[in-house]
Protein backbone atom coordinates (compact mmCIF):
# COMPACT_ATOMS: atom_id res chain seq x y z
CA MET A 1 -17.58 17.42 31.23
CA ASN A 2 -14.19 15.84 30.57
CA ASN A 3 -11.03 17.72 29.69
CA ARG A 4 -7.58 17.26 28.19
CA LEU A 5 -5.91 19.91 30.36
CA LYS A 6 -3.45 17.54 32.02
CA ILE A 7 -2.42 16.10 28.63
CA LEU A 8 -1.90 19.53 27.08
CA ARG A 9 0.00 20.69 30.13
CA ALA A 10 2.31 17.67 29.98
CA GLU A 11 2.89 18.14 26.25
CA THR A 12 4.07 21.71 26.90
CA ASP A 13 6.11 20.74 29.97
CA LEU A 14 4.15 23.03 32.32
CA SER A 15 3.59 22.13 35.95
CA GLN A 16 0.26 22.87 37.60
CA GLY A 17 1.96 25.73 39.37
CA ASP A 18 3.41 27.13 36.15
CA LEU A 19 0.01 27.09 34.46
CA ALA A 20 -1.68 28.56 37.51
CA ARG A 21 0.79 31.48 37.52
CA LEU A 22 0.24 32.13 33.82
CA LEU A 23 -3.53 32.18 34.34
CA GLY A 24 -3.55 34.07 37.64
CA VAL A 25 -5.26 31.28 39.60
CA SER A 26 -4.18 28.89 42.32
CA ARG A 27 -2.52 25.51 41.70
CA GLN A 28 -5.50 23.99 43.47
CA THR A 29 -7.81 25.44 40.80
CA ILE A 30 -5.78 23.75 38.06
CA ASN A 31 -5.87 20.48 39.97
CA ALA A 32 -9.64 20.75 40.46
CA VAL A 33 -10.16 21.38 36.72
CA GLU A 34 -7.90 18.47 35.74
CA THR A 35 -9.75 16.08 38.07
CA ASP A 36 -13.20 17.21 36.86
CA LYS A 37 -14.09 18.65 40.26
CA TYR A 38 -14.48 22.20 38.91
CA ASP A 39 -15.65 23.58 35.56
CA PRO A 40 -13.78 26.79 34.81
CA SER A 41 -15.50 30.03 33.91
CA LEU A 42 -15.69 30.94 30.24
CA PRO A 43 -12.99 33.64 30.58
CA LEU A 44 -10.63 31.14 32.25
CA ALA A 45 -11.33 28.48 29.63
CA LEU A 46 -10.62 31.02 26.88
CA ARG A 47 -7.29 31.98 28.52
CA MET A 48 -6.35 28.28 28.77
CA ALA A 49 -7.13 27.86 25.09
CA LYS A 50 -4.91 30.87 24.18
CA ILE A 51 -2.01 29.54 26.25
CA PHE A 52 -2.11 26.16 24.48
CA GLY A 53 -2.99 27.60 21.05
CA VAL A 54 -6.11 25.47 20.68
CA ALA A 55 -9.87 25.98 20.64
CA VAL A 56 -11.77 25.66 23.91
CA ASP A 57 -13.53 22.54 22.65
CA GLU A 58 -10.16 20.92 22.11
CA ILE A 59 -9.57 21.17 25.87
CA PHE A 60 -13.05 20.61 27.24
CA LEU A 61 -15.10 17.71 25.91
CA ASP A 62 -18.84 17.81 26.54
CA ASP A 63 -20.68 14.51 26.15
CA TRP A 64 -24.10 16.13 26.53
CA ILE A 65 -26.55 15.29 23.76
CA ALA A 66 -29.14 17.89 22.88
CA PRO A 67 -32.72 16.64 22.98
CA GLU A 68 -34.60 16.46 19.72
CA ARG A 69 -36.69 19.50 18.96
CA ASP A 70 -40.37 19.16 18.05
C-alpha cells in the first residue's frame, strides 16, 4: 500500500512531530507510515483523514486488484 501522507503533511506545513502530537502517536510511527514500513490501524487512518480534511483513500492508495468472481 502506498500513501500520500508526506505530501499532505508538507502541504499543510506540519512536521512529523507536529502530526504525531495531533494524532497521539510517536514521530517514529509517522515516519514508518510515510516510508511504507507500517500500515496504520483504521482508527488512526480515519484520524489522519480528519486532520487533512480528505477521505482515507485520498491518503492511502491500494494497488490490490480483486480477483474475478465465478
